[in-house]
PDB file of N, CA and C in Angstrom:
ATOM      1  N   MET A   1     -10.703  -7.126  -6.075  1.00  0.00           N
ATOM      2  CA  MET A   1      -9.523  -7.917  -5.778  1.00  0.00           C
ATOM      3  C   MET A   1      -8.283  -7.414  -6.509  1.00  0.00           C
ATOM      4  N   GLU A   2      -8.436  -6.381  -7.295  1.00  0.00           N
ATOM      5  CA  GLU A   2      -7.301  -5.863  -8.064  1.00  0.00           C
ATOM      6  C   GLU A   2      -6.149  -5.459  -7.154  1.00  0.00           C
ATOM      7  N   ILE A   3      -6.470  -4.840  -6.043  1.00  0.00           N
ATOM      8  CA  ILE A   3      -5.429  -4.393  -5.116  1.00  0.00           C
ATOM      9  C   ILE A   3      -4.682  -5.586  -4.534  1.00  0.00           C
ATOM     10  N   VAL A   4      -5.374  -6.672  -4.267  1.00  0.00           N
ATOM     11  CA  VAL A   4      -4.730  -7.865  -3.720  1.00  0.00           C
ATOM     12  C   VAL A   4      -3.684  -8.394  -4.697  1.00  0.00           C
ATOM     13  N   GLY A   5      -4.045  -8.510  -5.968  1.00  0.00           N
ATOM     14  CA  GLY A   5      -3.098  -8.982  -6.974  1.00  0.00           C
ATOM     15  C   GLY A   5      -1.877  -8.093  -7.081  1.00  0.00           C
ATOM     16  N   GLN A   6      -2.107  -6.778  -7.047  1.00  0.00           N
ATOM     17  CA  GLN A   6      -0.993  -5.833  -7.121  1.00  0.00           C
ATOM     18  C   GLN A   6      -0.079  -5.970  -5.906  1.00  0.00           C
ATOM     19  N   ARG A   7      -0.688  -6.148  -4.741  1.00  0.00           N
ATOM     20  CA  ARG A   7       0.081  -6.257  -3.506  1.00  0.00           C
ATOM     21  C   ARG A   7       0.888  -7.557  -3.472  1.00  0.00           C
ATOM     22  N   LEU A   8       0.272  -8.654  -3.915  1.00  0.00           N
ATOM     23  CA  LEU A   8       0.994  -9.925  -3.954  1.00  0.00           C
ATOM     24  C   LEU A   8       2.217  -9.828  -4.859  1.00  0.00           C
ATOM     25  N   LYS A   9       2.040  -9.195  -6.005  1.00  0.00           N
ATOM     26  CA  LYS A   9       3.151  -9.028  -6.943  1.00  0.00           C
ATOM     27  C   LYS A   9       4.235  -8.138  -6.346  1.00  0.00           C
ATOM     28  N   ALA A  10       3.820  -7.032  -5.720  1.00  0.00           N
ATOM     29  CA  ALA A  10       4.787  -6.110  -5.129  1.00  0.00           C
ATOM     30  C   ALA A  10       5.589  -6.788  -4.014  1.00  0.00           C
ATOM     31  N   LEU A  11       4.915  -7.554  -3.178  1.00  0.00           N
ATOM     32  CA  LEU A  11       5.620  -8.271  -2.108  1.00  0.00           C
ATOM     33  C   LEU A  11       6.635  -9.244  -2.686  1.00  0.00           C
ATOM     34  N   ARG A  12       6.195 -10.019  -3.667  1.00  0.00           N
ATOM     35  CA  ARG A  12       7.081 -11.003  -4.282  1.00  0.00           C
ATOM     36  C   ARG A  12       8.288 -10.325  -4.910  1.00  0.00           C
ATOM     37  N   GLU A  13       8.039  -9.282  -5.675  1.00  0.00           N
ATOM     38  CA  GLU A  13       9.139  -8.581  -6.357  1.00  0.00           C
ATOM     39  C   GLU A  13      10.069  -7.888  -5.369  1.00  0.00           C
ATOM     40  N   SER A  14       9.540  -7.395  -4.253  1.00  0.00           N
ATOM     41  CA  SER A  14      10.378  -6.716  -3.265  1.00  0.00           C
ATOM     42  C   SER A  14      11.413  -7.668  -2.658  1.00  0.00           C
ATOM     43  N   MET A  15      11.112  -8.949  -2.682  1.00  0.00           N
ATOM     44  CA  MET A  15      12.029  -9.957  -2.165  1.00  0.00           C
ATOM     45  C   MET A  15      12.888 -10.569  -3.268  1.00  0.00           C
ATOM     46  N   GLY A  16      12.642 -10.170  -4.512  1.00  0.00           N
ATOM     47  CA  GLY A  16      13.412 -10.705  -5.629  1.00  0.00           C
ATOM     48  C   GLY A  16      13.113 -12.168  -5.914  1.00  0.00           C
ATOM     49  N   ILE A  17      11.858 -12.558  -5.704  1.00  0.00           N
ATOM     50  CA  ILE A  17      11.460 -13.950  -5.878  1.00  0.00           C
ATOM     51  C   ILE A  17      10.657 -14.089  -7.167  1.00  0.00           C
ATOM     52  N   SER A  18      10.947 -15.101  -7.945  1.00  0.00           N
ATOM     53  CA  SER A  18      10.204 -15.345  -9.182  1.00  0.00           C
ATOM     54  C   SER A  18       8.838 -15.950  -8.865  1.00  0.00           C
ATOM     55  N   GLN A  19       7.946 -15.886  -9.843  1.00  0.00           N
ATOM     56  CA  GLN A  19       6.637 -16.517  -9.680  1.00  0.00           C
ATOM     57  C   GLN A  19       6.800 -18.018  -9.458  1.00  0.00           C
ATOM     58  N   ALA A  20       7.711 -18.637 -10.171  1.00  0.00           N
ATOM     59  CA  ALA A  20       7.934 -20.077 -10.029  1.00  0.00           C
ATOM     60  C   ALA A  20       8.417 -20.412  -8.622  1.00  0.00           C
ATOM     61  N   LYS A  21       9.302 -19.603  -8.086  1.00  0.00           N
ATOM     62  CA  LYS A  21       9.850 -19.850  -6.745  1.00  0.00           C
ATOM     63  C   LYS A  21       8.776 -19.665  -5.677  1.00  0.00           C
ATOM     64  N   ILE A  22       7.991 -18.599  -5.759  1.00  0.00           N
ATOM     65  CA  ILE A  22       6.950 -18.380  -4.754  1.00  0.00           C
ATOM     66  C   ILE A  22       5.890 -19.471  -4.847  1.00  0.00           C
ATOM     67  N   ALA A  23       5.602 -19.923  -6.052  1.00  0.00           N
ATOM     68  CA  ALA A  23       4.643 -21.016  -6.213  1.00  0.00           C
ATOM     69  C   ALA A  23       5.151 -22.265  -5.504  1.00  0.00           C
ATOM     70  N   LEU A  24       6.423 -22.569  -5.667  1.00  0.00           N
ATOM     71  CA  LEU A  24       7.018 -23.729  -5.010  1.00  0.00           C
ATOM     72  C   LEU A  24       6.973 -23.573  -3.489  1.00  0.00           C
ATOM     73  N   LEU A  25       7.343 -22.406  -3.014  1.00  0.00           N
ATOM     74  CA  LEU A  25       7.380 -22.157  -1.572  1.00  0.00           C
ATOM     75  C   LEU A  25       5.998 -22.195  -0.928  1.00  0.00           C
ATOM     76  N   LEU A  26       4.970 -21.805  -1.690  1.00  0.00           N
ATOM     77  CA  LEU A  26       3.617 -21.723  -1.136  1.00  0.00           C
ATOM     78  C   LEU A  26       2.733 -22.889  -1.556  1.00  0.00           C
ATOM     79  N   ASP A  27       3.335 -23.902  -2.140  1.00  0.00           N
ATOM     80  CA  ASP A  27       2.597 -25.097  -2.564  1.00  0.00           C
ATOM     81  C   ASP A  27       1.483 -24.749  -3.555  1.00  0.00           C
ATOM     82  N   SER A  28       1.877 -23.994  -4.580  1.00  0.00           N
ATOM     83  CA  SER A  28       0.948 -23.608  -5.637  1.00  0.00           C
ATOM     84  C   SER A  28       1.630 -23.891  -6.971  1.00  0.00           C
ATOM     85  N   LYS A  29       1.123 -23.300  -8.027  1.00  0.00           N
ATOM     86  CA  LYS A  29       1.713 -23.455  -9.357  1.00  0.00           C
ATOM     87  C   LYS A  29       1.925 -22.072  -9.966  1.00  0.00           C
ATOM     88  N   GLN A  30       2.982 -21.934 -10.756  1.00  0.00           N
ATOM     89  CA  GLN A  30       3.323 -20.640 -11.348  1.00  0.00           C
ATOM     90  C   GLN A  30       2.185 -20.039 -12.154  1.00  0.00           C
ATOM     91  N   PRO A  31       1.480 -20.808 -12.990  1.00  0.00           N
ATOM     92  CA  PRO A  31       0.377 -20.185 -13.735  1.00  0.00           C
ATOM     93  C   PRO A  31      -0.708 -19.604 -12.816  1.00  0.00           C
ATOM     94  N   ASN A  32      -0.931 -20.252 -11.672  1.00  0.00           N
ATOM     95  CA  ASN A  32      -1.905 -19.713 -10.722  1.00  0.00           C
ATOM     96  C   ASN A  32      -1.426 -18.389 -10.148  1.00  0.00           C
ATOM     97  N   ILE A  33      -0.151 -18.318  -9.769  1.00  0.00           N
ATOM     98  CA  ILE A  33       0.416 -17.078  -9.228  1.00  0.00           C
ATOM     99  C   ILE A  33       0.265 -15.961 -10.251  1.00  0.00           C
ATOM    100  N   ASN A  34       0.546 -16.272 -11.504  1.00  0.00           N
ATOM    101  CA  ASN A  34       0.410 -15.285 -12.573  1.00  0.00           C
ATOM    102  C   ASN A  34      -1.032 -14.788 -12.679  1.00  0.00           C
ATOM    103  N   ARG A  35      -1.987 -15.695 -12.628  1.00  0.00           N
ATOM    104  CA  ARG A  35      -3.401 -15.298 -12.711  1.00  0.00           C
ATOM    105  C   ARG A  35      -3.812 -14.430 -11.523  1.00  0.00           C
ATOM    106  N   PHE A  36      -3.317 -14.764 -10.334  1.00  0.00           N
ATOM    107  CA  PHE A  36      -3.651 -13.958  -9.158  1.00  0.00           C
ATOM    108  C   PHE A  36      -3.074 -12.547  -9.302  1.00  0.00           C
ATOM    109  N   GLU A  37      -1.818 -12.462  -9.722  1.00  0.00           N
ATOM    110  CA  GLU A  37      -1.150 -11.160  -9.836  1.00  0.00           C
ATOM    111  C   GLU A  37      -1.740 -10.293 -10.939  1.00  0.00           C
ATOM    112  N   HIS A  38      -2.338 -10.917 -11.944  1.00  0.00           N
ATOM    113  CA  HIS A  38      -2.932 -10.164 -13.048  1.00  0.00           C
ATOM    114  C   HIS A  38      -4.455 -10.083 -12.948  1.00  0.00           C
ATOM    115  N   ASN A  39      -4.961 -10.387 -11.741  1.00  0.00           N
ATOM    116  CA  ASN A  39      -6.386 -10.236 -11.435  1.00  0.00           C
ATOM    117  C   ASN A  39      -7.295 -11.021 -12.364  1.00  0.00           C
ATOM    118  N   GLN A  40      -6.810 -12.152 -12.815  1.00  0.00           N
ATOM    119  CA  GLN A  40      -7.620 -13.029 -13.659  1.00  0.00           C
ATOM    120  C   GLN A  40      -8.320 -14.092 -12.822  1.00  0.00           C
ATOM    121  N   SER A  41      -7.886 -14.231 -11.584  1.00  0.00           N
ATOM    122  CA  SER A  41      -8.449 -15.220 -10.677  1.00  0.00           C
ATOM    123  C   SER A  41      -8.184 -14.738  -9.251  1.00  0.00           C
ATOM    124  N   GLU A  42      -9.057 -15.129  -8.330  1.00  0.00           N
ATOM    125  CA  GLU A  42      -8.863 -14.754  -6.934  1.00  0.00           C
ATOM    126  C   GLU A  42      -8.162 -15.878  -6.186  1.00  0.00           C
ATOM    127  N   PRO A  43      -7.132 -15.539  -5.421  1.00  0.00           N
ATOM    128  CA  PRO A  43      -6.446 -16.581  -4.659  1.00  0.00           C
ATOM    129  C   PRO A  43      -7.341 -17.097  -3.537  1.00  0.00           C
ATOM    130  N   PRO A  44      -7.293 -18.392  -3.270  1.00  0.00           N
ATOM    131  CA  PRO A  44      -8.068 -18.925  -2.153  1.00  0.00           C
ATOM    132  C   PRO A  44      -7.526 -18.409  -0.818  1.00  0.00           C
ATOM    133  N   LEU A  45      -8.386 -18.369   0.168  1.00  0.00           N
ATOM    134  CA  LEU A  45      -8.005 -17.870   1.487  1.00  0.00           C
ATOM    135  C   LEU A  45      -6.806 -18.625   2.057  1.00  0.00           C
ATOM    136  N   ALA A  46      -6.774 -19.934   1.877  1.00  0.00           N
ATOM    137  CA  ALA A  46      -5.652 -20.724   2.396  1.00  0.00           C
ATOM    138  C   ALA A  46      -4.321 -20.255   1.805  1.00  0.00           C
ATOM    139  N   LEU A  47      -4.309 -19.913   0.524  1.00  0.00           N
ATOM    140  CA  LEU A  47      -3.078 -19.433  -0.104  1.00  0.00           C
ATOM    141  C   LEU A  47      -2.720 -18.040   0.416  1.00  0.00           C
ATOM    142  N   LEU A  48      -3.711 -17.196   0.621  1.00  0.00           N
ATOM    143  CA  LEU A  48      -3.434 -15.868   1.180  1.00  0.00           C
ATOM    144  C   LEU A  48      -2.818 -15.993   2.573  1.00  0.00           C
ATOM    145  N   CYS A  49      -3.275 -16.959   3.328  1.00  0.00           N
ATOM    146  CA  CYS A  49      -2.688 -17.205   4.658  1.00  0.00           C
ATOM    147  C   CYS A  49      -1.237 -17.650   4.539  1.00  0.00           C
ATOM    148  N   ARG A  50      -0.938 -18.494   3.555  1.00  0.00           N
ATOM    149  CA  ARG A  50       0.449 -18.934   3.345  1.00  0.00           C
ATOM    150  C   ARG A  50       1.336 -17.760   2.910  1.00  0.00           C
ATOM    151  N   TYR A  51       0.795 -16.874   2.057  1.00  0.00           N
ATOM    152  CA  TYR A  51       1.519 -15.654   1.682  1.00  0.00           C
ATOM    153  C   TYR A  51       1.849 -14.847   2.938  1.00  0.00           C
ATOM    154  N   ALA A  52       0.844 -14.626   3.768  1.00  0.00           N
ATOM    155  CA  ALA A  52       1.032 -13.827   4.982  1.00  0.00           C
ATOM    156  C   ALA A  52       2.096 -14.438   5.886  1.00  0.00           C
ATOM    157  N   ASP A  53       2.011 -15.740   6.088  1.00  0.00           N
ATOM    158  CA  ASP A  53       3.010 -16.412   6.924  1.00  0.00           C
ATOM    159  C   ASP A  53       4.401 -16.292   6.327  1.00  0.00           C
ATOM    160  N   PHE A  54       4.511 -16.517   5.030  1.00  0.00           N
ATOM    161  CA  PHE A  54       5.813 -16.465   4.367  1.00  0.00           C
ATOM    162  C   PHE A  54       6.433 -15.074   4.468  1.00  0.00           C
ATOM    163  N   PHE A  55       5.686 -14.043   4.129  1.00  0.00           N
ATOM    164  CA  PHE A  55       6.262 -12.699   4.121  1.00  0.00           C
ATOM    165  C   PHE A  55       6.469 -12.161   5.524  1.00  0.00           C
ATOM    166  N   ASP A  56       5.676 -12.613   6.485  1.00  0.00           N
ATOM    167  CA  ASP A  56       5.900 -12.219   7.873  1.00  0.00           C
ATOM    168  C   ASP A  56       7.210 -12.808   8.374  1.00  0.00           C
ATOM    169  N   LYS A  57       7.464 -14.071   8.071  1.00  0.00           N
ATOM    170  CA  LYS A  57       8.712 -14.711   8.477  1.00  0.00           C
ATOM    171  C   LYS A  57       9.908 -14.056   7.806  1.00  0.00           C
ATOM    172  N   LYS A  58       9.762 -13.754   6.496  1.00  0.00           N
ATOM    173  CA  LYS A  58      10.868 -13.130   5.761  1.00  0.00           C
ATOM    174  C   LYS A  58      11.189 -11.759   6.343  1.00  0.00           C
ATOM    175  N   SER A  59      10.170 -10.963   6.658  1.00  0.00           N
ATOM    176  CA  SER A  59      10.424  -9.625   7.188  1.00  0.00           C
ATOM    177  C   SER A  59      11.052  -9.717   8.579  1.00  0.00           C
ATOM    178  N   GLN A  60      10.645 -10.718   9.376  1.00  0.00           N
ATOM    179  CA  GLN A  60      11.262 -10.912  10.690  1.00  0.00           C
ATOM    180  C   GLN A  60      12.722 -11.316  10.551  1.00  0.00           C
ATOM    181  N   GLU A  61      13.027 -12.191   9.592  1.00  0.00           N
ATOM    182  CA  GLU A  61      14.410 -12.610   9.365  1.00  0.00           C
ATOM    183  C   GLU A  61      15.271 -11.427   8.954  1.00  0.00           C
ATOM    184  N   GLU A  62      14.757 -10.573   8.080  1.00  0.00           N
ATOM    185  CA  GLU A  62      15.524  -9.409   7.641  1.00  0.00           C
ATOM    186  C   GLU A  62      15.737  -8.430   8.782  1.00  0.00           C
ATOM    187  N   SER A  63      14.721  -8.272   9.612  1.00  0.00           N
ATOM    188  CA  SER A  63      14.826  -7.385  10.772  1.00  0.00           C
ATOM    189  C   SER A  63      15.877  -7.900  11.747  1.00  0.00           C
ATOM    190  N   ASP A  64      15.866  -9.208  11.989  1.00  0.00           N
ATOM    191  CA  ASP A  64      16.845  -9.804  12.893  1.00  0.00           C
ATOM    192  C   ASP A  64      18.261  -9.695  12.335  1.00  0.00           C
ATOM    193  N   ALA A  65      18.407  -9.838  11.033  1.00  0.00           N
ATOM    194  CA  ALA A  65      19.718  -9.747  10.401  1.00  0.00           C
ATOM    195  C   ALA A  65      20.265  -8.335  10.464  1.00  0.00           C
ATOM    196  N   ALA A  66      19.396  -7.335  10.495  1.00  0.00           N
ATOM    197  CA  ALA A  66      19.828  -5.939  10.524  1.00  0.00           C
ATOM    198  C   ALA A  66      20.313  -5.522  11.900  1.00  0.00           C
ATOM    199  N   LYS A  67      19.995  -6.313  12.907  1.00  0.00           N
ATOM    200  CA  LYS A  67      20.385  -5.961  14.281  1.00  0.00           C
ATOM    201  C   LYS A  67      21.825  -6.259  14.558  1.00  0.00           C
TER     202      LYS A  67
END
């Protein structure tokens, strides 16, 4: 799961979002986000789905704005 934690952190940082902000947006808590990003805990599937939905929407918004 190490790659998952690294990828979650990279996605979050690429958008300039803090751990606290992403936790709020994804209905989680900042300490949990920190544990996931540092491979101390595995994120539940439901949270991974929320990550996917959030970053998919963000990338679509950026793509639309670039047009």
